[in-house]
Amino acid sequence: MPVPLHPSRKRKRGYNQAQILAEEIGKILEIPVDSKSLIRTRKTSPQKKLGHQERKKNLKHAFAVKHTFQAVKRVLLVDDIYTTGNTIDAVSNVLKQKGVENVYFLTISIGQGY
């Protein structure tokens, strides 16, 4: 499951890099990729410009799961960069509230804030 971009950011960029990564990983591992159930509910400031506490506040209530989501036991989250873990924490909390038991994550790079 890719970490979603806000629709306006995806429109501006033209793609979601996490979605591209997730789709390729799904092909390799032969597992389904759900890129529609998790949504970003509000536009947030880019995390790279914020301090640690600001990052947590920035992501509060920024993600939701669509009502059509069918909870599964395990989810593999995919994102392009891991810096402080706040994005993964925010998304994991939303998924666990919807019944997901285990959330794993895979990232391509680690930022300096780690």
Foldseek 3Di string as FASTA:
>chain_A
DELDAAVVVCVVVVHAPQVVVQVVVCVVVVHDDDPDFKHFPDHFDPPVVDDDVVNLVRRVSRMAGDPVDDQDQEDEYEHAEAEPCNSVVSVVVRNVVVPHNYYHYDYDYYDPND
